[in-house]
């Protein structure tokens, strides 16, 4: 008797046995060249539109100087040796004020965020001071510190302090209590608890506060250089406006935007390092 065999219908191989699909690499939006090109699209469009509008007389140059006029104003400042002096003095004021203001903001934010007593004592006063407009400080700073560098840097310190203080204090208040109790159960207290658990938990918020503070520092720089300054980008902006040099006014605005973006990029580099280090 011959044995008959019936071929069973073929079934697909299990998922684990199937060959892996070839990877297509990183997405387009994750590629560095695309990030650079994509970020440059809008500035290029704005520049081209600005050039066409100003060069074709759609808007008179008395109201909108052409990019060429702004470029020539930049060349003139460089040739006269003023450009790098203005950039250096403003950058120095911002960095000093930001460093002091951000450090104080971290300190007071930690006190308020970690201590109930500190919260009770400091929050009402600092909350009231935070509501004071920046220009309201100018008369007092002129009266107390005159028109020297101290008054300008103090105003920048004030502008840098409150974003860091507010963000850090709020973030520390909302750290997971169960995580803190678990760390205490393992014997972590004081600075060890802060450095091991609480600080890593608020790193993203702290970096965001530093970025806001740096932006505020550049914003307060213009107000600070109203205090009798004879050099700096804020002085260039106000002096050019007062003398009708609209090309230099646009140049000052562009320089503040570019340098502010570069300094923010440095904070971004620090953010990537801090995330790898503490999280």
Protein backbone atom coordinates (compact mmCIF):
# COMPACT_ATOMS: atom_id res chain seq x y z
CA UNK A 1 0.00 0.00 0.00
CA UNK A 2 1.42 3.29 -1.01
CA UNK A 3 1.31 6.15 1.42
CA UNK A 4 -0.23 9.29 0.02
CA UNK A 5 1.09 12.59 1.24
CA UNK A 6 -0.81 15.80 1.01
CA UNK A 7 1.14 19.05 0.83
CA UNK A 8 -0.01 21.37 3.57
CA UNK A 9 -0.71 24.92 2.44
CA UNK A 10 2.30 27.13 2.96
CA UNK A 11 1.99 29.54 5.87
CA UNK A 12 3.88 32.78 6.31
CA UNK A 13 6.91 32.56 8.51
CA UNK A 14 6.57 33.91 12.03
CA UNK A 15 7.34 37.56 12.45
CA UNK A 16 10.54 36.77 14.35
CA UNK A 17 11.78 34.63 11.46
CA UNK A 18 11.10 37.17 8.75
CA UNK A 19 14.07 39.14 7.46
CA UNK A 20 14.19 42.65 8.81
CA UNK A 21 13.17 45.38 6.42
CA UNK A 22 16.07 47.50 5.28
CA UNK A 23 16.40 50.69 7.27
CA UNK A 24 15.90 53.87 5.33
CA UNK A 25 18.14 55.94 7.56
CA UNK A 26 17.18 59.05 9.46
CA UNK A 27 14.14 61.04 8.51
CA UNK A 28 14.72 64.06 6.32
CA UNK A 29 13.83 66.50 9.11
CA UNK A 30 16.50 64.89 11.31
CA UNK A 31 19.32 65.50 8.86
CA UNK A 32 21.65 68.36 9.79
CA UNK A 33 21.84 69.84 6.29
CA UNK A 34 18.05 69.97 6.06
CA UNK A 35 17.80 71.71 9.45
CA UNK A 36 20.28 74.36 8.28
CA UNK A 37 18.64 74.85 4.88
CA UNK A 38 15.12 74.82 6.34
CA UNK A 39 16.03 77.42 8.93
CA UNK A 40 17.44 79.71 6.25
CA UNK A 41 14.37 79.63 3.99
CA UNK A 42 12.31 82.31 5.73
CA UNK A 43 15.25 84.75 6.26
CA UNK A 44 16.16 84.43 2.57
CA UNK A 45 12.53 85.04 1.51
CA UNK A 46 12.33 88.08 3.80
CA UNK A 47 15.62 89.44 2.44
CA UNK A 48 14.57 88.99 -1.19
CA UNK A 49 11.17 90.56 -0.54
CA UNK A 50 12.81 93.45 1.30
CA UNK A 51 15.22 93.99 -1.62
CA UNK A 52 12.45 93.95 -4.25
CA UNK A 53 10.16 96.25 -2.27
CA UNK A 54 12.85 98.84 -1.51
CA UNK A 55 14.68 98.77 -4.87
CA UNK A 56 11.47 99.07 -6.94
CA UNK A 57 10.23 102.07 -4.94
CA UNK A 58 7.14 100.32 -3.58
CA UNK A 59 8.13 101.73 -0.18
CA UNK A 60 10.32 104.87 -0.14
CA UNK A 61 13.85 104.45 1.21
CA UNK A 62 13.10 107.14 3.77
CA UNK A 63 10.85 104.58 5.45
CA UNK A 64 12.51 101.32 4.39
CA UNK A 65 16.23 101.50 3.48
CA UNK A 66 17.39 98.85 1.05
CA UNK A 67 19.61 95.93 2.10
CA UNK A 68 22.40 97.57 0.12
CA UNK A 69 22.11 100.75 2.21
CA UNK A 70 22.22 98.73 5.41
CA UNK A 71 25.27 96.83 4.15
CA UNK A 72 27.05 100.09 3.31
CA UNK A 73 26.25 101.39 6.81
CA UNK A 74 27.91 98.27 8.22
CA UNK A 75 30.99 98.79 6.05
CA UNK A 76 31.17 102.43 7.15
CA UNK A 77 31.13 101.47 10.84
CA UNK A 78 33.82 98.83 10.27
CA UNK A 79 36.05 101.28 8.41
CA UNK A 80 35.66 103.85 11.18
CA UNK A 81 36.60 101.25 13.79
CA UNK A 82 33.27 101.52 15.63
CA UNK A 83 31.58 98.24 14.71
CA UNK A 84 33.62 95.85 16.82
CA UNK A 85 33.70 98.33 19.72
CA UNK A 86 29.90 98.55 19.74
CA UNK A 87 29.51 94.77 19.52
CA UNK A 88 32.14 94.10 22.20
CA UNK A 89 30.84 96.60 24.77
CA UNK A 90 27.22 95.45 24.39
CA UNK A 91 28.18 91.77 24.55
CA UNK A 92 30.27 92.41 27.65
CA UNK A 93 27.39 94.18 29.39
CA UNK A 94 24.96 91.39 28.52
CA UNK A 95 27.27 88.57 29.60
CA UNK A 96 28.14 90.18 32.94
CA UNK A 97 24.54 91.07 33.72
CA UNK A 98 23.25 87.70 32.58
CA UNK A 99 25.84 85.75 34.59
CA UNK A 100 25.05 87.62 37.81
CA UNK A 101 21.29 87.71 37.29
CA UNK A 102 21.02 84.04 36.31
CA UNK A 103 23.16 82.96 39.28
CA UNK A 104 20.99 84.93 41.70
CA UNK A 105 17.88 83.56 40.01
CA UNK A 106 19.11 79.99 40.46
CA UNK A 107 19.93 80.68 44.11
CA UNK A 108 16.64 82.32 45.07
CA UNK A 109 14.65 79.91 42.90
CA UNK A 110 16.23 76.99 44.76
CA UNK A 111 15.49 78.58 48.14
CA UNK A 112 11.84 79.23 47.29
CA UNK A 113 11.36 75.89 45.52
CA UNK A 114 12.97 73.75 48.21
CA UNK A 115 12.05 75.57 51.41
CA UNK A 116 8.51 76.23 52.59
CA UNK A 117 9.82 79.01 54.85
CA UNK A 118 11.70 80.57 51.95
CA UNK A 119 8.54 80.40 49.85
CA UNK A 120 6.53 82.18 52.54
CA UNK A 121 9.12 84.90 53.12
CA UNK A 122 10.30 85.64 49.57
CA UNK A 123 7.50 84.87 47.12
CA UNK A 124 5.22 87.87 47.86
CA UNK A 125 8.06 90.41 47.66
CA UNK A 126 9.74 88.95 44.59
CA UNK A 127 6.38 88.52 42.88
CA UNK A 128 5.64 92.21 43.39
CA UNK A 129 9.07 93.28 42.11
CA UNK A 130 8.67 91.05 39.06
CA UNK A 131 5.58 93.06 38.06
CA UNK A 132 7.53 96.35 37.91
CA UNK A 133 8.19 97.38 34.26
CA UNK A 134 11.84 97.59 33.26
CA UNK A 135 11.79 101.29 32.47
CA UNK A 136 10.43 102.06 35.93
CA UNK A 137 13.83 101.16 37.37
CA UNK A 138 15.69 103.75 35.27
CA UNK A 139 15.11 106.82 37.46
CA UNK A 140 16.21 104.97 40.62
CA UNK A 141 19.29 103.52 38.95
CA UNK A 142 20.30 106.96 37.68
CA UNK A 143 19.78 108.43 41.14
CA UNK A 144 21.64 105.69 43.01
CA UNK A 145 24.31 104.56 40.54
CA UNK A 146 24.59 107.60 38.24
CA UNK A 147 25.27 106.99 34.53
CA UNK A 148 28.21 104.59 34.79
CA UNK A 149 28.50 100.94 33.87
CA UNK A 150 27.05 99.89 37.23
CA UNK A 151 23.58 101.24 36.41
CA UNK A 152 23.50 99.57 32.99
CA UNK A 153 24.66 96.17 34.24
CA UNK A 154 22.28 96.36 37.22
CA UNK A 155 19.32 96.82 34.89
CA UNK A 156 20.42 93.79 32.85
CA UNK A 157 20.80 91.80 36.09
CA UNK A 158 17.19 92.64 36.98
CA UNK A 159 16.02 91.50 33.55
CA UNK A 160 17.96 88.24 33.77
CA UNK A 161 17.01 87.40 37.34
CA UNK A 162 13.25 86.95 37.18
CA UNK A 163 12.91 84.40 34.32
CA UNK A 164 15.41 82.05 35.98
CA UNK A 165 13.98 82.56 39.47
CA UNK A 166 10.39 81.99 38.35
CA UNK A 167 11.07 78.87 36.27
CA UNK A 168 13.42 77.20 38.78
CA UNK A 169 11.17 77.85 41.78
CA UNK A 170 8.11 76.51 39.97
CA UNK A 171 9.95 73.44 38.63
CA UNK A 172 11.38 72.47 42.03
CA UNK A 173 7.95 72.71 43.64
CA UNK A 174 6.62 70.14 41.19
CA UNK A 175 9.34 67.49 41.47
CA UNK A 176 7.71 64.11 42.13
CA UNK A 177 7.37 63.76 45.92
CA UNK A 178 7.48 59.97 45.74
CA UNK A 179 10.83 60.18 43.96
CA UNK A 180 12.20 62.44 46.68
CA UNK A 181 10.92 60.16 49.46
CA UNK A 182 12.46 57.15 47.74
CA UNK A 183 15.82 58.97 47.54
CA UNK A 184 15.61 59.88 51.23
CA UNK A 185 14.92 56.26 52.05
CA UNK A 186 18.30 55.46 50.45
CA UNK A 187 20.01 58.02 52.67
CA UNK A 188 20.17 61.01 50.32
CA UNK A 189 19.69 64.37 52.01
CA UNK A 190 20.67 68.00 51.54
CA UNK A 191 23.08 68.74 48.70
CA UNK A 192 23.35 65.05 47.73
CA UNK A 193 19.57 64.85 47.33
CA UNK A 194 19.57 68.09 45.32
CA UNK A 195 22.43 67.08 43.03
CA UNK A 196 21.29 63.49 42.51
CA UNK A 197 17.50 63.77 42.25
CA UNK A 198 16.10 67.30 42.26
CA UNK A 199 18.56 69.01 39.90
CA UNK A 200 18.34 66.37 37.14
CA UNK A 201 14.54 66.53 37.39
CA UNK A 202 14.46 70.26 36.58
CA UNK A 203 17.30 70.50 34.03
CA UNK A 204 15.01 71.07 30.99
CA UNK A 205 13.01 73.77 32.80
CA UNK A 206 16.18 75.42 34.11
CA UNK A 207 17.67 75.61 30.61
CA UNK A 208 14.42 77.11 29.35
CA UNK A 209 14.66 79.72 32.11
CA UNK A 210 18.24 80.53 31.12
CA UNK A 211 17.19 81.01 27.52
CA UNK A 212 14.41 83.38 28.56
CA UNK A 213 16.84 85.23 30.80
CA UNK A 214 19.38 85.66 28.01
CA UNK A 215 16.68 87.01 25.69
CA UNK A 216 15.61 89.40 28.45
CA UNK A 217 19.22 90.47 28.93
CA UNK A 218 19.45 91.60 25.29
CA UNK A 219 16.06 93.27 25.61
CA UNK A 220 17.10 95.16 28.74
CA UNK A 221 20.40 96.11 27.08
CA UNK A 222 18.62 98.61 24.85
CA UNK A 223 16.94 100.19 27.87
CA UNK A 224 20.24 100.10 29.79
CA UNK A 225 22.10 101.92 27.03
CA UNK A 226 19.61 104.75 27.29
CA UNK A 227 21.42 105.61 30.53
CA UNK A 228 23.93 108.00 29.04
CA UNK A 229 25.75 105.42 26.92
CA UNK A 230 28.07 106.61 24.17
CA UNK A 231 28.83 103.17 22.74
CA UNK A 232 27.03 99.89 22.17
CA UNK A 233 24.32 98.47 19.95
CA UNK A 234 21.54 100.00 22.02
CA UNK A 235 23.23 103.39 21.68
CA UNK A 236 23.59 102.81 17.93
CA UNK A 237 19.87 102.04 17.70
CA UNK A 238 18.65 105.09 19.62
CA UNK A 239 21.25 107.52 18.24
CA UNK A 240 20.56 106.46 14.64
CA UNK A 241 16.82 106.92 15.16
CA UNK A 242 17.32 110.37 16.67
CA UNK A 243 19.58 111.47 13.80
CA UNK A 244 17.39 110.01 11.05
CA UNK A 245 19.90 107.33 9.98
CA UNK A 246 17.34 104.63 9.32
CA UNK A 247 19.94 102.43 7.63
CA UNK A 248 21.90 102.26 10.89
CA UNK A 249 18.68 101.68 12.83
CA UNK A 250 17.94 98.60 10.72
CA UNK A 251 21.57 97.52 11.07
CA UNK A 252 21.36 97.72 14.88
CA UNK A 253 18.15 95.66 14.91
CA UNK A 254 19.68 93.00 12.65
CA UNK A 255 22.85 92.85 14.74
CA UNK A 256 20.83 92.43 17.96
CA UNK A 257 18.85 89.62 16.33
CA UNK A 258 21.92 87.81 14.97
CA UNK A 259 24.05 88.10 18.12
CA UNK A 260 21.08 87.18 20.30
CA UNK A 261 20.50 84.05 18.21
CA UNK A 262 24.19 83.10 18.40
CA UNK A 263 24.19 83.45 22.18
CA UNK A 264 21.00 81.39 22.39
CA UNK A 265 22.74 78.68 20.33
CA UNK A 266 25.47 78.55 22.97
CA UNK A 267 22.79 77.87 25.58
CA UNK A 268 21.55 75.08 23.30
CA UNK A 269 25.03 73.51 23.29
CA UNK A 270 25.10 73.73 27.09
CA UNK A 271 21.63 72.16 27.21
CA UNK A 272 22.77 69.09 25.26
CA UNK A 273 25.78 68.70 27.55
CA UNK A 274 23.69 69.14 30.70
CA UNK A 275 21.08 66.61 29.57
CA UNK A 276 23.80 64.02 28.91
CA UNK A 277 25.50 64.84 32.23
CA UNK A 278 22.55 64.87 34.63
CA UNK A 279 19.66 63.03 33.02
